């Protein structure tokens, strides 16, 4: 199945700003991120602590909803979903 991945801020230096990822049926957000981390060096370190936990300052949205409220990394994916990755941003 295909999932659209959107990256923001400094993550655009690691992976394309927007692209389609092919993942097996029944995949989860965690599985997608593992797949992307294997394909794009540096992504795993940007998203996860050494223990494999999503960093506190990283927001991951599935179809506009934070996965924190829908199962975390175990959130299931469906064909056509959009997953957005938001790292910390600063400015003023």
N, C-alpha and C. Protein backbone atom coordinates (compact mmCIF):
# COMPACT_ATOMS: atom_id res chain seq x y z
N UNK A 1 0.84 -1.17 0.00
CA UNK A 1 0.00 0.00 0.00
C UNK A 1 0.88 1.24 0.00
N UNK A 2 0.33 2.34 -0.44
CA UNK A 2 1.09 3.58 -0.51
C UNK A 2 0.65 4.54 0.58
N UNK A 3 1.66 5.17 1.19
CA UNK A 3 1.44 6.18 2.21
C UNK A 3 2.24 7.41 1.81
N UNK A 4 1.61 8.57 1.89
CA UNK A 4 2.32 9.81 1.60
C UNK A 4 3.04 10.26 2.86
N UNK A 5 4.32 10.60 2.71
CA UNK A 5 5.13 11.07 3.82
C UNK A 5 5.51 12.52 3.55
N UNK A 6 5.27 13.37 4.54
CA UNK A 6 5.62 14.79 4.43
C UNK A 6 6.60 15.11 5.54
N UNK A 7 7.72 15.71 5.18
CA UNK A 7 8.74 16.09 6.15
C UNK A 7 8.84 17.61 6.22
N UNK A 8 9.08 18.10 7.43
CA UNK A 8 9.14 19.54 7.64
C UNK A 8 10.46 19.93 8.29
N UNK A 9 10.79 21.21 8.15
CA UNK A 9 11.96 21.83 8.77
C UNK A 9 13.23 21.05 8.44
N UNK A 10 14.07 20.81 9.44
CA UNK A 10 15.37 20.19 9.19
C UNK A 10 15.29 18.76 8.67
N UNK A 11 14.15 18.11 8.82
CA UNK A 11 14.02 16.75 8.28
C UNK A 11 14.07 16.74 6.76
N UNK A 12 13.81 17.88 6.14
CA UNK A 12 13.90 17.98 4.68
C UNK A 12 15.33 17.85 4.19
N UNK A 13 16.29 18.00 5.11
CA UNK A 13 17.69 17.77 4.75
C UNK A 13 18.01 16.28 4.71
N UNK A 14 17.14 15.46 5.29
CA UNK A 14 17.38 14.03 5.40
C UNK A 14 16.56 13.24 4.38
N UNK A 15 15.30 13.62 4.20
CA UNK A 15 14.44 12.91 3.25
C UNK A 15 13.64 13.93 2.45
N UNK A 16 13.05 13.51 1.33
CA UNK A 16 12.30 14.46 0.51
C UNK A 16 11.17 15.12 1.29
N UNK A 17 10.84 16.34 0.92
CA UNK A 17 9.77 17.08 1.60
C UNK A 17 8.44 16.35 1.51
N UNK A 18 8.20 15.71 0.38
CA UNK A 18 6.97 14.95 0.20
C UNK A 18 7.22 13.82 -0.79
N UNK A 19 6.84 12.63 -0.40
CA UNK A 19 6.98 11.49 -1.31
C UNK A 19 6.04 10.36 -0.88
N UNK A 20 5.86 9.42 -1.78
CA UNK A 20 5.04 8.25 -1.49
C UNK A 20 5.95 7.09 -1.09
N UNK A 21 5.58 6.43 0.00
CA UNK A 21 6.32 5.27 0.47
C UNK A 21 5.45 4.04 0.29
N UNK A 22 6.05 2.98 -0.17
CA UNK A 22 5.36 1.70 -0.35
C UNK A 22 5.65 0.85 0.88
N UNK A 23 4.58 0.43 1.59
CA UNK A 23 4.72 -0.41 2.78
C UNK A 23 3.75 -1.57 2.67
N UNK A 24 4.04 -2.68 3.33
CA UNK A 24 3.13 -3.83 3.27
C UNK A 24 1.80 -3.52 3.96
N UNK A 25 0.74 -4.19 3.52
CA UNK A 25 -0.54 -4.07 4.18
C UNK A 25 -0.42 -4.43 5.65
N UNK A 26 -1.16 -3.76 6.50
CA UNK A 26 -1.09 -4.03 7.93
C UNK A 26 0.04 -3.30 8.64
N UNK A 27 0.73 -2.42 7.93
CA UNK A 27 1.84 -1.69 8.55
C UNK A 27 1.34 -0.68 9.56
N UNK A 28 2.25 -0.30 10.45
CA UNK A 28 1.98 0.71 11.47
C UNK A 28 2.88 1.92 11.21
N UNK A 29 2.61 2.98 11.94
CA UNK A 29 3.47 4.16 11.83
C UNK A 29 4.90 3.79 12.22
N UNK A 30 5.06 2.99 13.25
CA UNK A 30 6.39 2.55 13.66
C UNK A 30 7.10 1.78 12.56
N UNK A 31 6.39 0.89 11.88
CA UNK A 31 6.96 0.14 10.78
C UNK A 31 7.37 1.04 9.64
N UNK A 32 6.55 2.03 9.33
CA UNK A 32 6.89 3.00 8.29
C UNK A 32 8.15 3.75 8.67
N UNK A 33 8.25 4.20 9.91
CA UNK A 33 9.43 4.96 10.34
C UNK A 33 10.68 4.09 10.34
N UNK A 34 10.55 2.82 10.70
CA UNK A 34 11.69 1.90 10.61
C UNK A 34 12.14 1.77 9.16
N UNK A 35 11.19 1.61 8.24
CA UNK A 35 11.48 1.51 6.81
C UNK A 35 12.20 2.77 6.33
N UNK A 36 11.68 3.93 6.68
CA UNK A 36 12.28 5.19 6.25
C UNK A 36 13.66 5.39 6.87
N UNK A 37 13.81 5.01 8.14
CA UNK A 37 15.10 5.17 8.82
C UNK A 37 16.19 4.31 8.18
N UNK A 38 15.81 3.13 7.70
CA UNK A 38 16.77 2.26 7.02
C UNK A 38 17.16 2.84 5.66
N UNK A 39 16.25 3.54 5.04
CA UNK A 39 16.49 4.09 3.69
C UNK A 39 17.22 5.44 3.73
N UNK A 40 16.97 6.24 4.76
CA UNK A 40 17.53 7.58 4.85
C UNK A 40 18.42 7.71 6.09
N UNK A 41 19.73 7.60 5.91
CA UNK A 41 20.65 7.70 7.04
C UNK A 41 20.46 9.01 7.81
N UNK A 42 20.45 8.91 9.11
CA UNK A 42 20.29 10.06 9.98
C UNK A 42 18.86 10.29 10.45
N UNK A 43 17.89 9.70 9.76
CA UNK A 43 16.50 9.92 10.13
C UNK A 43 16.18 9.29 11.48
N UNK A 44 16.64 8.08 11.69
CA UNK A 44 16.37 7.40 12.95
C UNK A 44 16.90 8.18 14.14
N UNK A 45 18.10 8.72 14.02
CA UNK A 45 18.69 9.50 15.11
C UNK A 45 17.92 10.80 15.33
N UNK A 46 17.36 11.36 14.27
CA UNK A 46 16.60 12.61 14.40
C UNK A 46 15.25 12.37 15.08
N UNK A 47 14.66 11.19 14.88
CA UNK A 47 13.32 10.91 15.40
C UNK A 47 13.30 10.19 16.73
N UNK A 48 14.29 9.33 16.98
CA UNK A 48 14.25 8.42 18.12
C UNK A 48 15.43 8.61 19.08
N UNK A 49 15.18 8.31 20.35
CA UNK A 49 16.26 8.25 21.34
C UNK A 49 17.04 6.95 21.08
N UNK A 50 18.21 6.79 21.69
CA UNK A 50 18.94 5.53 21.54
C UNK A 50 18.14 4.30 21.98
N UNK A 51 17.14 4.51 22.85
CA UNK A 51 16.29 3.41 23.32
C UNK A 51 15.15 3.11 22.36
N UNK A 52 15.03 3.88 21.28
CA UNK A 52 13.99 3.64 20.29
C UNK A 52 12.67 4.33 20.57
N UNK A 53 12.67 5.29 21.47
CA UNK A 53 11.46 6.03 21.82
C UNK A 53 11.44 7.33 20.99
N UNK A 54 10.27 7.71 20.51
CA UNK A 54 10.16 8.97 19.76
C UNK A 54 10.60 10.11 20.68
N UNK A 55 11.47 10.96 20.16
CA UNK A 55 11.95 12.09 20.95
C UNK A 55 10.78 12.98 21.35
N UNK A 56 10.85 13.54 22.56
CA UNK A 56 9.76 14.34 23.11
C UNK A 56 9.35 15.49 22.21
N UNK A 57 10.30 16.07 21.51
CA UNK A 57 10.03 17.27 20.71
C UNK A 57 9.60 16.97 19.28
N UNK A 58 9.50 15.70 18.90
CA UNK A 58 9.08 15.32 17.56
C UNK A 58 7.58 15.04 17.56
N UNK A 59 6.88 15.64 16.62
CA UNK A 59 5.45 15.38 16.45
C UNK A 59 5.24 14.60 15.17
N UNK A 60 4.45 13.54 15.25
CA UNK A 60 4.13 12.70 14.11
C UNK A 60 2.61 12.69 13.97
N UNK A 61 2.14 13.09 12.80
CA UNK A 61 0.70 13.14 12.56
C UNK A 61 0.31 12.17 11.46
N UNK A 62 -0.80 11.48 11.68
CA UNK A 62 -1.40 10.63 10.65
C UNK A 62 -2.70 11.30 10.26
N UNK A 63 -2.78 11.71 9.01
CA UNK A 63 -3.98 12.40 8.50
C UNK A 63 -4.36 13.59 9.38
N UNK A 64 -3.34 14.33 9.84
CA UNK A 64 -3.57 15.54 10.61
C UNK A 64 -3.79 15.34 12.09
N UNK A 65 -3.74 14.11 12.57
CA UNK A 65 -3.97 13.83 13.99
C UNK A 65 -2.70 13.25 14.61
N UNK A 66 -2.30 13.82 15.73
CA UNK A 66 -1.10 13.37 16.42
C UNK A 66 -1.25 11.91 16.83
N UNK A 67 -0.27 11.08 16.48
CA UNK A 67 -0.35 9.65 16.80
C UNK A 67 -0.31 9.39 18.30
N UNK A 68 0.10 10.38 19.07
CA UNK A 68 0.10 10.25 20.53
C UNK A 68 -1.29 9.90 21.04
N UNK A 69 -2.32 10.34 20.31
CA UNK A 69 -3.71 10.13 20.73
C UNK A 69 -4.37 8.93 20.03
N UNK A 70 -3.62 8.22 19.19
CA UNK A 70 -4.25 7.13 18.44
C UNK A 70 -3.45 5.84 18.44
N UNK A 71 -2.61 5.66 19.44
CA UNK A 71 -1.88 4.40 19.53
C UNK A 71 -0.38 4.53 19.39
N UNK A 72 0.13 5.75 19.25
CA UNK A 72 1.58 5.93 19.14
C UNK A 72 2.13 5.23 17.91
N UNK A 73 3.30 4.63 18.05
CA UNK A 73 3.94 3.96 16.92
C UNK A 73 3.15 2.75 16.44
N UNK A 74 2.25 2.23 17.26
CA UNK A 74 1.41 1.09 16.87
C UNK A 74 0.19 1.51 16.05
N UNK A 75 0.05 2.81 15.78
CA UNK A 75 -1.08 3.31 15.00
C UNK A 75 -1.09 2.64 13.63
N UNK A 76 -2.18 1.97 13.26
CA UNK A 76 -2.23 1.30 11.96
C UNK A 76 -2.32 2.29 10.81
N UNK A 77 -1.77 1.88 9.69
CA UNK A 77 -1.83 2.68 8.46
C UNK A 77 -2.78 2.04 7.46
N UNK A 78 -3.41 2.88 6.67
CA UNK A 78 -4.27 2.44 5.57
C UNK A 78 -3.74 3.02 4.28
N UNK A 79 -4.04 2.38 3.18
CA UNK A 79 -3.63 2.88 1.88
C UNK A 79 -4.13 4.31 1.70
N UNK A 80 -3.23 5.21 1.29
CA UNK A 80 -3.59 6.59 1.04
C UNK A 80 -3.43 7.52 2.22
N UNK A 81 -3.04 6.99 3.38
CA UNK A 81 -2.82 7.85 4.54
C UNK A 81 -1.68 8.83 4.29
N UNK A 82 -1.67 9.92 5.04
CA UNK A 82 -0.57 10.87 5.01
C UNK A 82 0.04 10.92 6.41
N UNK A 83 1.36 10.75 6.46
CA UNK A 83 2.09 10.83 7.72
C UNK A 83 3.00 12.04 7.63
N UNK A 84 2.86 12.96 8.57
CA UNK A 84 3.67 14.18 8.60
C UNK A 84 4.63 14.12 9.78
N UNK A 85 5.88 14.50 9.53
CA UNK A 85 6.93 14.47 10.54
C UNK A 85 7.37 15.90 10.83
N UNK A 86 7.20 16.32 12.08
CA UNK A 86 7.54 17.68 12.50
C UNK A 86 8.64 17.63 13.57
N UNK A 87 9.85 18.03 13.22
CA UNK A 87 10.89 18.15 14.23
C UNK A 87 10.75 19.47 14.96
N UNK A 88 11.59 19.73 15.95
CA UNK A 88 11.51 21.03 16.63
C UNK A 88 11.87 22.14 15.64
N UNK A 89 11.26 23.27 15.84
CA UNK A 89 11.56 24.43 15.01
C UNK A 89 11.75 25.63 15.92
N UNK A 90 12.65 26.47 15.54
CA UNK A 90 12.89 27.68 16.32
C UNK A 90 12.80 28.87 15.40
N UNK A 91 12.61 29.97 15.98
CA UNK A 91 12.55 31.19 15.19
C UNK A 91 11.86 32.28 15.98
N UNK A 92 11.69 33.37 15.33
CA UNK A 92 11.06 34.43 16.08
C UNK A 92 10.77 35.61 15.23
